[in-house]
Amino acid sequence: MINIKRIIISFILILLSYPAFSCDYPTPPNNLPDGATSNKDQMLSGVKRIASYQEEMSSYLACIEKNEIETMKNLTDLNENEKNIRKELFNKKYNAAIESQIRTVEMFNVEIREFKAKLKE
């Protein structure tokens, strides 16, 4: 009986979490300019692509957060342990996206510093 209840709850969770699939995870920009060899226009293009990526990531994070709030409103049959597990999984997903964004921006910042150093020479 308990296993059937868990299966039903799992199935409901899957169905109710479907809106989360509608949030498009942004792809980090590829082929960002190399600070050592790029000119000013190429670097500015990279800055624009990073800014666009950050906007897309902000939209994605807002989307998954909104979907999680809506899903949790509909999941009234969860016990505290199940709620905590769901919250922990959401936090991991959210934090992984933030960490990816930070890594991408930091990698480009290295190129910006290299470009600025090249200009001082």
PDB file of N, CA and C in Angstrom:
ATOM      1  N   MET A   1       0.823  -1.191   0.000  1.00  0.00           N
ATOM      2  CA  MET A   1       0.000   0.000   0.000  1.00  0.00           C
ATOM      3  C   MET A   1       0.873   1.263   0.000  1.00  0.00           C
ATOM      4  N   ILE A   2       1.923   1.254   0.827  1.00  0.00           N
ATOM      5  CA  ILE A   2       2.809   2.411   0.909  1.00  0.00           C
ATOM      6  C   ILE A   2       3.535   2.601  -0.423  1.00  0.00           C
ATOM      7  N   ASN A   3       3.947   1.499  -1.058  1.00  0.00           N
ATOM      8  CA  ASN A   3       4.639   1.607  -2.347  1.00  0.00           C
ATOM      9  C   ASN A   3       3.732   2.188  -3.415  1.00  0.00           C
ATOM     10  N   ILE A   4       2.472   1.813  -3.422  1.00  0.00           N
ATOM     11  CA  ILE A   4       1.530   2.354  -4.394  1.00  0.00           C
ATOM     12  C   ILE A   4       1.369   3.853  -4.177  1.00  0.00           C
ATOM     13  N   LYS A   5       1.282   4.256  -2.919  1.00  0.00           N
ATOM     14  CA  LYS A   5       1.149   5.685  -2.606  1.00  0.00           C
ATOM     15  C   LYS A   5       2.374   6.451  -3.099  1.00  0.00           C
ATOM     16  N   ARG A   6       3.557   5.900  -2.882  1.00  0.00           N
ATOM     17  CA  ARG A   6       4.788   6.549  -3.333  1.00  0.00           C
ATOM     18  C   ARG A   6       4.841   6.648  -4.861  1.00  0.00           C
ATOM     19  N   ILE A   7       4.389   5.600  -5.538  1.00  0.00           N
ATOM     20  CA  ILE A   7       4.365   5.614  -7.000  1.00  0.00           C
ATOM     21  C   ILE A   7       3.410   6.692  -7.495  1.00  0.00           C
ATOM     22  N   ILE A   8       2.263   6.768  -6.882  1.00  0.00           N
ATOM     23  CA  ILE A   8       1.277   7.780  -7.279  1.00  0.00           C
ATOM     24  C   ILE A   8       1.824   9.186  -7.027  1.00  0.00           C
ATOM     25  N   ILE A   9       2.435   9.391  -5.869  1.00  0.00           N
ATOM     26  CA  ILE A   9       3.015  10.704  -5.551  1.00  0.00           C
ATOM     27  C   ILE A   9       4.135  11.040  -6.537  1.00  0.00           C
ATOM     28  N   SER A  10       4.962  10.061  -6.858  1.00  0.00           N
ATOM     29  CA  SER A  10       6.047  10.293  -7.823  1.00  0.00           C
ATOM     30  C   SER A  10       5.487  10.666  -9.190  1.00  0.00           C
ATOM     31  N   PHE A  11       4.452   9.975  -9.606  1.00  0.00           N
ATOM     32  CA  PHE A  11       3.828  10.267 -10.894  1.00  0.00           C
ATOM     33  C   PHE A  11       3.246  11.678 -10.903  1.00  0.00           C
ATOM     34  N   ILE A  12       2.591  12.052  -9.821  1.00  0.00           N
ATOM     35  CA  ILE A  12       2.022  13.396  -9.718  1.00  0.00           C
ATOM     36  C   ILE A  12       3.128  14.439  -9.754  1.00  0.00           C
ATOM     37  N   LEU A  13       4.235  14.175  -9.050  1.00  0.00           N
ATOM     38  CA  LEU A  13       5.370  15.099  -9.057  1.00  0.00           C
ATOM     39  C   LEU A  13       5.902  15.299 -10.472  1.00  0.00           C
ATOM     40  N   ILE A  14       5.996  14.222 -11.205  1.00  0.00           N
ATOM     41  CA  ILE A  14       6.492  14.322 -12.580  1.00  0.00           C
ATOM     42  C   ILE A  14       5.539  15.156 -13.428  1.00  0.00           C
ATOM     43  N   LEU A  15       4.261  14.887 -13.302  1.00  0.00           N
ATOM     44  CA  LEU A  15       3.288  15.646 -14.089  1.00  0.00           C
ATOM     45  C   LEU A  15       3.265  17.118 -13.703  1.00  0.00           C
ATOM     46  N   LEU A  16       3.340  17.396 -12.422  1.00  0.00           N
ATOM     47  CA  LEU A  16       3.265  18.782 -11.978  1.00  0.00           C
ATOM     48  C   LEU A  16       4.568  19.537 -12.207  1.00  0.00           C
ATOM     49  N   SER A  17       5.652  18.820 -12.351  1.00  0.00           N
ATOM     50  CA  SER A  17       6.917  19.511 -12.605  1.00  0.00           C
ATOM     51  C   SER A  17       7.145  19.723 -14.095  1.00  0.00           C
ATOM     52  N   TYR A  18       6.210  19.299 -14.933  1.00  0.00           N
ATOM     53  CA  TYR A  18       6.351  19.484 -16.373  1.00  0.00           C
ATOM     54  C   TYR A  18       6.605  20.933 -16.773  1.00  0.00           C
ATOM     55  N   PRO A  19       5.963  21.931 -16.133  1.00  0.00           N
ATOM     56  CA  PRO A  19       6.256  23.312 -16.532  1.00  0.00           C
ATOM     57  C   PRO A  19       7.734  23.669 -16.428  1.00  0.00           C
ATOM     58  N   ALA A  20       8.478  22.994 -15.566  1.00  0.00           N
ATOM     59  CA  ALA A  20       9.912  23.285 -15.437  1.00  0.00           C
ATOM     60  C   ALA A  20      10.646  22.974 -16.734  1.00  0.00           C
ATOM     61  N   PHE A  21      10.082  22.051 -17.523  1.00  0.00           N
ATOM     62  CA  PHE A  21      10.717  21.715 -18.786  1.00  0.00           C
ATOM     63  C   PHE A  21      10.557  22.837 -19.808  1.00  0.00           C
ATOM     64  N   SER A  22       9.631  23.740 -19.555  1.00  0.00           N
ATOM     65  CA  SER A  22       9.408  24.838 -20.496  1.00  0.00           C
ATOM     66  C   SER A  22      10.433  25.961 -20.319  1.00  0.00           C
ATOM     67  N   CYS A  23      11.221  25.896 -19.293  1.00  0.00           N
ATOM     68  CA  CYS A  23      12.271  26.895 -19.062  1.00  0.00           C
ATOM     69  C   CYS A  23      13.508  26.470 -19.858  1.00  0.00           C
ATOM     70  N   ASP A  24      13.934  27.332 -20.755  1.00  0.00           N
ATOM     71  CA  ASP A  24      15.078  27.001 -21.608  1.00  0.00           C
ATOM     72  C   ASP A  24      16.385  27.369 -20.912  1.00  0.00           C
ATOM     73  N   TYR A  25      17.199  26.351 -20.682  1.00  0.00           N
ATOM     74  CA  TYR A  25      18.506  26.578 -20.066  1.00  0.00           C
ATOM     75  C   TYR A  25      19.412  27.239 -21.095  1.00  0.00           C
ATOM     76  N   PRO A  26      19.947  28.414 -20.780  1.00  0.00           N
ATOM     77  CA  PRO A  26      20.774  29.123 -21.763  1.00  0.00           C
ATOM     78  C   PRO A  26      22.128  28.449 -21.987  1.00  0.00           C
ATOM     79  N   THR A  27      22.533  28.454 -23.213  1.00  0.00           N
ATOM     80  CA  THR A  27      23.839  27.915 -23.567  1.00  0.00           C
ATOM     81  C   THR A  27      24.877  29.019 -23.420  1.00  0.00           C
ATOM     82  N   PRO A  28      25.951  28.755 -22.695  1.00  0.00           N
ATOM     83  CA  PRO A  28      26.992  29.783 -22.590  1.00  0.00           C
ATOM     84  C   PRO A  28      27.547  30.115 -23.975  1.00  0.00           C
ATOM     85  N   PRO A  29      27.907  31.363 -24.188  1.00  0.00           N
ATOM     86  CA  PRO A  29      28.452  31.732 -25.504  1.00  0.00           C
ATOM     87  C   PRO A  29      29.759  30.984 -25.769  1.00  0.00           C
ATOM     88  N   ASN A  30      29.899  30.523 -26.999  1.00  0.00           N
ATOM     89  CA  ASN A  30      31.153  29.843 -27.352  1.00  0.00           C
ATOM     90  C   ASN A  30      31.991  30.765 -28.220  1.00  0.00           C
ATOM     91  N   ASN A  31      33.205  30.402 -28.390  1.00  0.00           N
ATOM     92  CA  ASN A  31      34.139  31.177 -29.209  1.00  0.00           C
ATOM     93  C   ASN A  31      34.239  32.641 -28.765  1.00  0.00           C
ATOM     94  N   LEU A  32      34.331  32.835 -27.461  1.00  0.00           N
ATOM     95  CA  LEU A  32      34.540  34.204 -26.979  1.00  0.00           C
ATOM     96  C   LEU A  32      35.933  34.657 -27.394  1.00  0.00           C
ATOM     97  N   PRO A  33      36.113  35.951 -27.578  1.00  0.00           N
ATOM     98  CA  PRO A  33      37.404  36.445 -28.063  1.00  0.00           C
ATOM     99  C   PRO A  33      38.551  36.183 -27.081  1.00  0.00           C
ATOM    100  N   ASP A  34      39.707  35.969 -27.665  1.00  0.00           N
ATOM    101  CA  ASP A  34      40.943  35.784 -26.902  1.00  0.00           C
ATOM    102  C   ASP A  34      41.538  37.166 -26.659  1.00  0.00           C
ATOM    103  N   GLY A  35      41.694  37.525 -25.414  1.00  0.00           N
ATOM    104  CA  GLY A  35      42.188  38.849 -25.067  1.00  0.00           C
ATOM    105  C   GLY A  35      43.561  39.164 -25.622  1.00  0.00           C
ATOM    106  N   ALA A  36      44.378  38.152 -25.829  1.00  0.00           N
ATOM    107  CA  ALA A  36      45.740  38.367 -26.310  1.00  0.00           C
ATOM    108  C   ALA A  36      45.783  38.707 -27.801  1.00  0.00           C
ATOM    109  N   THR A  37      44.786  38.260 -28.552  1.00  0.00           N
ATOM    110  CA  THR A  37      44.852  38.434 -30.004  1.00  0.00           C
ATOM    111  C   THR A  37      43.687  39.243 -30.591  1.00  0.00           C
ATOM    112  N   SER A  38      42.685  39.531 -29.808  1.00  0.00           N
ATOM    113  CA  SER A  38      41.481  40.199 -30.333  1.00  0.00           C
ATOM    114  C   SER A  38      41.629  41.709 -30.346  1.00  0.00           C
ATOM    115  N   ASN A  39      40.852  42.337 -31.237  1.00  0.00           N
ATOM    116  CA  ASN A  39      40.824  43.790 -31.260  1.00  0.00           C
ATOM    117  C   ASN A  39      39.646  44.286 -30.414  1.00  0.00           C
ATOM    118  N   LYS A  40      39.521  45.602 -30.328  1.00  0.00           N
ATOM    119  CA  LYS A  40      38.500  46.205 -29.465  1.00  0.00           C
ATOM    120  C   LYS A  40      37.085  45.790 -29.876  1.00  0.00           C
ATOM    121  N   ASP A  41      36.803  45.785 -31.171  1.00  0.00           N
ATOM    122  CA  ASP A  41      35.472  45.415 -31.650  1.00  0.00           C
ATOM    123  C   ASP A  41      35.123  43.963 -31.297  1.00  0.00           C
ATOM    124  N   GLN A  42      36.100  43.088 -31.424  1.00  0.00           N
ATOM    125  CA  GLN A  42      35.858  41.691 -31.072  1.00  0.00           C
ATOM    126  C   GLN A  42      35.590  41.543 -29.575  1.00  0.00           C
ATOM    127  N   MET A  43      36.326  42.277 -28.771  1.00  0.00           N
ATOM    128  CA  MET A  43      36.116  42.218 -27.318  1.00  0.00           C
ATOM    129  C   MET A  43      34.743  42.782 -26.949  1.00  0.00           C
ATOM    130  N   LEU A  44      34.344  43.872 -27.590  1.00  0.00           N
ATOM    131  CA  LEU A  44      33.018  44.447 -27.317  1.00  0.00           C
ATOM    132  C   LEU A  44      31.908  43.491 -27.732  1.00  0.00           C
ATOM    133  N   SER A  45      32.129  42.773 -28.799  1.00  0.00           N
ATOM    134  CA  SER A  45      31.168  41.752 -29.218  1.00  0.00           C
ATOM    135  C   SER A  45      31.048  40.666 -28.139  1.00  0.00           C
ATOM    136  N   GLY A  46      32.187  40.283 -27.581  1.00  0.00           N
ATOM    137  CA  GLY A  46      32.184  39.296 -26.497  1.00  0.00           C
ATOM    138  C   GLY A  46      31.442  39.803 -25.273  1.00  0.00           C
ATOM    139  N   VAL A  47      31.630  41.081 -24.954  1.00  0.00           N
ATOM    140  CA  VAL A  47      30.938  41.680 -23.810  1.00  0.00           C
ATOM    141  C   VAL A  47      29.425  41.614 -24.031  1.00  0.00           C
ATOM    142  N   LYS A  48      28.998  41.917 -25.248  1.00  0.00           N
ATOM    143  CA  LYS A  48      27.558  41.884 -25.559  1.00  0.00           C
ATOM    144  C   LYS A  48      27.007  40.466 -25.458  1.00  0.00           C
ATOM    145  N   ARG A  49      27.775  39.494 -25.917  1.00  0.00           N
ATOM    146  CA  ARG A  49      27.315  38.103 -25.840  1.00  0.00           C
ATOM    147  C   ARG A  49      27.240  37.620 -24.402  1.00  0.00           C
ATOM    148  N   ILE A  50      28.194  38.054 -23.578  1.00  0.00           N
ATOM    149  CA  ILE A  50      28.157  37.692 -22.153  1.00  0.00           C
ATOM    150  C   ILE A  50      26.951  38.358 -21.488  1.00  0.00           C
ATOM    151  N   ALA A  51      26.698  39.622 -21.803  1.00  0.00           N
ATOM    152  CA  ALA A  51      25.545  40.324 -21.225  1.00  0.00           C
ATOM    153  C   ALA A  51      24.238  39.641 -21.627  1.00  0.00           C
ATOM    154  N   SER A  52      24.144  39.227 -22.867  1.00  0.00           N
ATOM    155  CA  SER A  52      22.954  38.526 -23.350  1.00  0.00           C
ATOM    156  C   SER A  52      22.783  37.195 -22.615  1.00  0.00           C
ATOM    157  N   TYR A  53      23.885  36.479 -22.448  1.00  0.00           N
ATOM    158  CA  TYR A  53      23.861  35.206 -21.713  1.00  0.00           C
ATOM    159  C   TYR A  53      23.385  35.427 -20.272  1.00  0.00           C
ATOM    160  N   GLN A  54      23.864  36.474 -19.637  1.00  0.00           N
ATOM    161  CA  GLN A  54      23.463  36.754 -18.262  1.00  0.00           C
ATOM    162  C   GLN A  54      21.969  37.085 -18.182  1.00  0.00           C
ATOM    163  N   GLU A  55      21.460  37.803 -19.163  1.00  0.00           N
ATOM    164  CA  GLU A  55      20.020  38.097 -19.203  1.00  0.00           C
ATOM    165  C   GLU A  55      19.218  36.811 -19.388  1.00  0.00           C
ATOM    166  N   GLU A  56      19.676  35.957 -20.294  1.00  0.00           N
ATOM    167  CA  GLU A  56      18.992  34.683 -20.521  1.00  0.00           C
ATOM    168  C   GLU A  56      19.021  33.817 -19.260  1.00  0.00           C
ATOM    169  N   MET A  57      20.152  33.831 -18.557  1.00  0.00           N
ATOM    170  CA  MET A  57      20.255  33.037 -17.335  1.00  0.00           C
ATOM    171  C   MET A  57      19.319  33.592 -16.263  1.00  0.00           C
ATOM    172  N   SER A  58      19.225  34.908 -16.163  1.00  0.00           N
ATOM    173  CA  SER A  58      18.301  35.515 -15.194  1.00  0.00           C
ATOM    174  C   SER A  58      16.862  35.117 -15.503  1.00  0.00           C
ATOM    175  N   SER A  59      16.507  35.114 -16.780  1.00  0.00           N
ATOM    176  CA  SER A  59      15.158  34.690 -17.180  1.00  0.00           C
ATOM    177  C   SER A  59      14.920  33.225 -16.846  1.00  0.00           C
ATOM    178  N   TYR A  60      15.916  32.403 -17.105  1.00  0.00           N
ATOM    179  CA  TYR A  60      15.810  30.975 -16.789  1.00  0.00           C
ATOM    180  C   TYR A  60      15.609  30.764 -15.290  1.00  0.00           C
ATOM    181  N   LEU A  61      16.413  31.438 -14.483  1.00  0.00           N
ATOM    182  CA  LEU A  61      16.306  31.278 -13.032  1.00  0.00           C
ATOM    183  C   LEU A  61      14.942  31.743 -12.527  1.00  0.00           C
ATOM    184  N   ALA A  62      14.460  32.852 -13.059  1.00  0.00           N
ATOM    185  CA  ALA A  62      13.130  33.341 -12.670  1.00  0.00           C
ATOM    186  C   ALA A  62      12.053  32.339 -13.084  1.00  0.00           C
ATOM    187  N   CYS A  63      12.224  31.741 -14.249  1.00  0.00           N
ATOM    188  CA  CYS A  63      11.256  30.768 -14.756  1.00  0.00           C
ATOM    189  C   CYS A  63      11.201  29.526 -13.864  1.00  0.00           C
ATOM    190  N   ILE A  64      12.356  28.954 -13.550  1.00  0.00           N
ATOM    191  CA  ILE A  64      12.327  27.737 -12.724  1.00  0.00           C
ATOM    192  C   ILE A  64      11.838  28.046 -11.314  1.00  0.00           C
ATOM    193  N   GLU A  65      12.157  29.230 -10.825  1.00  0.00           N
ATOM    194  CA  GLU A  65      11.683  29.610  -9.498  1.00  0.00           C
ATOM    195  C   GLU A  65      10.159  29.750  -9.500  1.00  0.00           C
ATOM    196  N   LYS A  66       9.632  30.403 -10.502  1.00  0.00           N
ATOM    197  CA  LYS A  66       8.176  30.574 -10.624  1.00  0.00           C
ATOM    198  C   LYS A  66       7.487  29.218 -10.741  1.00  0.00           C
ATOM    199  N   ASN A  67       8.046  28.347 -11.573  1.00  0.00           N
ATOM    200  CA  ASN A  67       7.462  27.021 -11.745  1.00  0.00           C
ATOM    201  C   ASN A  67       7.506  26.198 -10.461  1.00  0.00           C
ATOM    202  N   GLU A  68       8.585  26.328  -9.725  1.00  0.00           N
ATOM    203  CA  GLU A  68       8.697  25.584  -8.463  1.00  0.00           C
ATOM    204  C   GLU A  68       7.655  26.077  -7.453  1.00  0.00           C
ATOM    205  N   ILE A  69       7.467  27.380  -7.386  1.00  0.00           N
ATOM    206  CA  ILE A  69       6.465  27.944  -6.469  1.00  0.00           C
ATOM    207  C   ILE A  69       5.078  27.439  -6.843  1.00  0.00           C
ATOM    208  N   GLU A  70       4.762  27.477  -8.137  1.00  0.00           N
ATOM    209  CA  GLU A  70       3.451  27.006  -8.600  1.00  0.00           C
ATOM    210  C   GLU A  70       3.274  25.518  -8.314  1.00  0.00           C
ATOM    211  N   THR A  71       4.305  24.747  -8.572  1.00  0.00           N
ATOM    212  CA  THR A  71       4.230  23.305  -8.347  1.00  0.00           C
ATOM    213  C   THR A  71       4.005  23.008  -6.864  1.00  0.00           C
ATOM    214  N   MET A  72       4.736  23.706  -6.013  1.00  0.00           N
ATOM    215  CA  MET A  72       4.599  23.461  -4.565  1.00  0.00           C
ATOM    216  C   MET A  72       3.207  23.851  -4.067  1.00  0.00           C
ATOM    217  N   LYS A  73       2.581  24.838  -4.666  1.00  0.00           N
ATOM    218  CA  LYS A  73       1.207  25.208  -4.288  1.00  0.00           C
ATOM    219  C   LYS A  73       0.247  24.056  -4.574  1.00  0.00           C
ATOM    220  N   ASN A  74       0.530  23.318  -5.635  1.00  0.00           N
ATOM    221  CA  ASN A  74      -0.349  22.215  -6.041  1.00  0.00           C
ATOM    222  C   ASN A  74      -0.051  20.907  -5.328  1.00  0.00           C
ATOM    223  N   LEU A  75       1.093  20.809  -4.704  1.00  0.00           N
ATOM    224  CA  LEU A  75       1.477  19.573  -4.013  1.00  0.00           C
ATOM    225  C   LEU A  75       1.126  19.672  -2.535  1.00  0.00           C
ATOM    226  N   THR A  76      -0.102  19.432  -2.241  1.00  0.00           N
ATOM    227  CA  THR A  76      -0.557  19.566  -0.850  1.00  0.00           C
ATOM    228  C   THR A  76      -0.406  18.273  -0.066  1.00  0.00           C
ATOM    229  N   ASP A  77      -0.163  17.156  -0.740  1.00  0.00           N
ATOM    230  CA  ASP A  77      -0.090  15.855  -0.062  1.00  0.00           C
ATOM    231  C   ASP A  77       1.314  15.450   0.359  1.00  0.00           C
ATOM    232  N   LEU A  78       2.292  16.328   0.176  1.00  0.00           N
ATOM    233  CA  LEU A  78       3.662  15.966   0.535  1.00  0.00           C
ATOM    234  C   LEU A  78       3.884  16.105   2.036  1.00  0.00           C
ATOM    235  N   ASN A  79       4.618  15.144   2.591  1.00  0.00           N
ATOM    236  CA  ASN A  79       5.010  15.303   3.993  1.00  0.00           C
ATOM    237  C   ASN A  79       6.253  16.188   4.055  1.00  0.00           C
ATOM    238  N   GLU A  80       6.684  16.544   5.232  1.00  0.00           N
ATOM    239  CA  GLU A  80       7.813  17.470   5.398  1.00  0.00           C
ATOM    240  C   GLU A  80       9.091  16.932   4.763  1.00  0.00           C
ATOM    241  N   ASN A  81       9.331  15.635   4.902  1.00  0.00           N
ATOM    242  CA  ASN A  81      10.538  15.042   4.320  1.00  0.00           C
ATOM    243  C   ASN A  81      10.523  15.178   2.796  1.00  0.00           C
ATOM    244  N   GLU A  82       9.390  14.891   2.181  1.00  0.00           N
ATOM    245  CA  GLU A  82       9.277  15.009   0.726  1.00  0.00           C
ATOM    246  C   GLU A  82       9.424  16.461   0.278  1.00  0.00           C
ATOM    247  N   LYS A  83       8.868  17.383   1.049  1.00  0.00           N
ATOM    248  CA  LYS A  83       9.034  18.805   0.728  1.00  0.00           C
ATOM    249  C   LYS A  83      10.497  19.217   0.813  1.00  0.00           C
ATOM    250  N   ASN A  84      11.173  18.729   1.842  1.00  0.00           N
ATOM    251  CA  ASN A  84      12.592  19.061   2.015  1.00  0.00           C
ATOM    252  C   ASN A  84      13.442  18.493   0.897  1.00  0.00           C
ATOM    253  N   ILE A  85      13.129  17.275   0.470  1.00  0.00           N
ATOM    254  CA  ILE A  85      13.870  16.664  -0.639  1.00  0.00           C
ATOM    255  C   ILE A  85      13.655  17.469  -1.911  1.00  0.00           C
ATOM    256  N   ARG A  86      12.426  17.845  -2.164  1.00  0.00           N
ATOM    257  CA  ARG A  86      12.118  18.637  -3.363  1.00  0.00           C
ATOM    258  C   ARG A  86      12.835  19.988  -3.311  1.00  0.00           C
ATOM    259  N   LYS A  87      12.812  20.613  -2.139  1.00  0.00           N
ATOM    260  CA  LYS A  87      13.476  21.907  -1.981  1.00  0.00           C
ATOM    261  C   LYS A  87      14.987  21.764  -2.206  1.00  0.00           C
ATOM    262  N   GLU A  88      15.562  20.697  -1.668  1.00  0.00           N
ATOM    263  CA  GLU A  88      16.997  20.459  -1.830  1.00  0.00           C
ATOM    264  C   GLU A  88      17.356  20.253  -3.303  1.00  0.00           C
ATOM    265  N   LEU A  89      16.535  19.494  -4.029  1.00  0.00           N
ATOM    266  CA  LEU A  89      16.789  19.271  -5.451  1.00  0.00           C
ATOM    267  C   LEU A  89      16.674  20.570  -6.241  1.00  0.00           C
ATOM    268  N   PHE A  90      15.671  21.376  -5.912  1.00  0.00           N
ATOM    269  CA  PHE A  90      15.529  22.661  -6.594  1.00  0.00           C
ATOM    270  C   PHE A  90      16.746  23.546  -6.329  1.00  0.00           C
ATOM    271  N   ASN A  91      17.170  23.606  -5.072  1.00  0.00           N
ATOM    272  CA  ASN A  91      18.325  24.439  -4.718  1.00  0.00           C
ATOM    273  C   ASN A  91      19.581  23.991  -5.460  1.00  0.00           C
ATOM    274  N   LYS A  92      19.760  22.688  -5.609  1.00  0.00           N
ATOM    275  CA  LYS A  92      20.921  22.184  -6.352  1.00  0.00           C
ATOM    276  C   LYS A  92      20.858  22.607  -7.818  1.00  0.00           C
ATOM    277  N   LYS A  93      19.686  22.516  -8.406  1.00  0.00           N
ATOM    278  CA  LYS A  93      19.507  22.908  -9.806  1.00  0.00           C
ATOM    279  C   LYS A  93      19.770  24.406  -9.972  1.00  0.00           C
ATOM    280  N   TYR A  94      19.220  25.200  -9.089  1.00  0.00           N
ATOM    281  CA  TYR A  94      19.375  26.659  -9.136  1.00  0.00           C
ATOM    282  C   TYR A  94      20.838  27.040  -8.949  1.00  0.00           C
ATOM    283  N   ASN A  95      21.471  26.471  -7.941  1.00  0.00           N
ATOM    284  CA  ASN A  95      22.872  26.795  -7.647  1.00  0.00           C
ATOM    285  C   ASN A  95      23.813  26.331  -8.759  1.00  0.00           C
ATOM    286  N   ALA A  96      23.507  25.201  -9.392  1.00  0.00           N
ATOM    287  CA  ALA A  96      24.348  24.735 -10.505  1.00  0.00           C
ATOM    288  C   ALA A  96      24.289  25.725 -11.665  1.00  0.00           C
ATOM    289  N   ALA A  97      23.122  26.280 -11.911  1.00  0.00           N
ATOM    290  CA  ALA A  97      22.991  27.273 -12.986  1.00  0.00           C
ATOM    291  C   ALA A  97      23.788  28.532 -12.648  1.00  0.00           C
ATOM    292  N   ILE A  98      23.698  28.967 -11.400  1.00  0.00           N
ATOM    293  CA  ILE A  98      24.458  30.149 -10.959  1.00  0.00           C
ATOM    294  C   ILE A  98      25.959  29.893 -11.098  1.00  0.00           C
ATOM    295  N   GLU A  99      26.403  28.718 -10.679  1.00  0.00           N
ATOM    296  CA  GLU A  99      27.832  28.392 -10.759  1.00  0.00           C
ATOM    297  C   GLU A  99      28.305  28.356 -12.207  1.00  0.00           C
ATOM    298  N   SER A 100      27.487  27.845 -13.101  1.00  0.00           N
ATOM    299  CA  SER A 100      27.843  27.829 -14.522  1.00  0.00           C
ATOM    300  C   SER A 100      27.980  29.251 -15.052  1.00  0.00           C
ATOM    301  N   GLN A 101      27.060  30.094 -14.658  1.00  0.00           N
ATOM    302  CA  GLN A 101      27.110  31.495 -15.083  1.00  0.00           C
ATOM    303  C   GLN A 101      28.377  32.173 -14.556  1.00  0.00           C
ATOM    304  N   ILE A 102      28.687  31.962 -13.309  1.00  0.00           N
ATOM    305  CA  ILE A 102      29.875  32.572 -12.701  1.00  0.00           C
ATOM    306  C   ILE A 102      31.139  32.105 -13.419  1.00  0.00           C
ATOM    307  N   ARG A 103      31.241  30.799 -13.686  1.00  0.00           N
ATOM    308  CA  ARG A 103      32.432  30.266 -14.385  1.00  0.00           C
ATOM    309  C   ARG A 103      32.586  30.897 -15.770  1.00  0.00           C
ATOM    310  N   THR A 104      31.481  31.013 -16.489  1.00  0.00           N
ATOM    311  CA  THR A 104      31.530  31.579 -17.843  1.00  0.00           C
ATOM    312  C   THR A 104      31.993  33.030 -17.809  1.00  0.00           C
ATOM    313  N   VAL A 105      31.408  33.798 -16.911  1.00  0.00           N
ATOM    314  CA  VAL A 105      31.766  35.216 -16.810  1.00  0.00           C
ATOM    315  C   VAL A 105      33.211  35.363 -16.333  1.00  0.00           C
ATOM    316  N   GLU A 106      33.632  34.549 -15.384  1.00  0.00           N
ATOM    317  CA  GLU A 106      35.015  34.632 -14.892  1.00  0.00           C
ATOM    318  C   GLU A 106      36.019  34.307 -15.996  1.00  0.00           C
ATOM    319  N   MET A 107      35.681  33.319 -16.825  1.00  0.00           N
ATOM    320  CA  MET A 107      36.596  32.970 -17.926  1.00  0.00           C
ATOM    321  C   MET A 107      36.741  34.143 -18.891  1.00  0.00           C
ATOM    322  N   PHE A 108      35.640  34.833 -19.165  1.00  0.00           N
ATOM    323  CA  PHE A 108      35.739  35.986 -20.063  1.00  0.00           C
ATOM    324  C   PHE A 108      36.450  37.151 -19.385  1.00  0.00           C
ATOM    325  N   ASN A 109      36.276  37.307 -18.093  1.00  0.00           N
ATOM    326  CA  ASN A 109      36.985  38.368 -17.370  1.00  0.00           C
ATOM    327  C   ASN A 109      38.497  38.190 -17.468  1.00  0.00           C
ATOM    328  N   VAL A 110      38.954  36.949 -17.492  1.00  0.00           N
ATOM    329  CA  VAL A 110      40.382  36.683 -17.687  1.00  0.00           C
ATOM    330  C   VAL A 110      40.815  37.243 -19.040  1.00  0.00           C
ATOM    331  N   GLU A 111      40.001  37.039 -20.058  1.00  0.00           N
ATOM    332  CA  GLU A 111      40.323  37.543 -21.393  1.00  0.00           C
ATOM    333  C   GLU A 111      40.307  39.075 -21.427  1.00  0.00           C
ATOM    334  N   ILE A 112      39.377  39.674 -20.708  1.00  0.00           N
ATOM    335  CA  ILE A 112      39.326  41.141 -20.644  1.00  0.00           C
ATOM    336  C   ILE A 112      40.599  41.688 -19.984  1.00  0.00           C
ATOM    337  N   ARG A 113      41.014  41.064 -18.889  1.00  0.00           N
ATOM    338  CA  ARG A 113      42.243  41.516 -18.218  1.00  0.00           C
ATOM    339  C   ARG A 113      43.455  41.364 -19.135  1.00  0.00           C
ATOM    340  N   GLU A 114      43.476  40.271 -19.884  1.00  0.00           N
ATOM    341  CA  GLU A 114      44.581  40.046 -20.817  1.00  0.00           C
ATOM    342  C   GLU A 114      44.558  41.100 -21.929  1.00  0.00           C
ATOM    343  N   PHE A 115      43.386  41.439 -22.407  1.00  0.00           N
ATOM    344  CA  PHE A 115      43.248  42.458 -23.447  1.00  0.00           C
ATOM    345  C   PHE A 115      43.717  43.815 -22.923  1.00  0.00           C
ATOM    346  N   LYS A 116      43.308  44.162 -21.704  1.00  0.00           N
ATOM    347  CA  LYS A 116      43.725  45.442 -21.124  1.00  0.00           C
ATOM    348  C   LYS A 116      45.238  45.483 -20.894  1.00  0.00           C
ATOM    349  N   ALA A 117      45.795  44.373 -20.486  1.00  0.00           N
ATOM    350  CA  ALA A 117      47.240  44.308 -20.287  1.00  0.00           C
ATOM    351  C   ALA A 117      47.968  44.515 -21.625  1.00  0.00           C
ATOM    352  N   LYS A 118      47.425  43.947 -22.684  1.00  0.00           N
ATOM    353  CA  LYS A 118      48.010  44.089 -24.034  1.00  0.00           C
ATOM    354  C   LYS A 118      47.986  45.567 -24.466  1.00  0.00           C
ATOM    355  N   LEU A 119      46.923  46.273 -24.115  1.00  0.00           N
ATOM    356  CA  LEU A 119      46.822  47.687 -24.498  1.00  0.00           C
ATOM    357  C   LEU A 119      47.848  48.543 -23.784  1.00  0.00           C
ATOM    358  N   LYS A 120      48.220  48.151 -22.571  1.00  0.00           N
ATOM    359  CA  LYS A 120      49.199  48.943 -21.793  1.00  0.00           C
ATOM    360  C   LYS A 120      50.614  48.794 -22.332  1.00  0.00           C
ATOM    361  N   GLU A 121      50.870  47.748 -23.090  1.00  0.00           N
ATOM    362  CA  GLU A 121      52.232  47.495 -23.595  1.00  0.00           C
ATOM    363  C   GLU A 121      52.625  48.473 -24.665  1.00  0.00           C
TER     364      GLU A 121
END
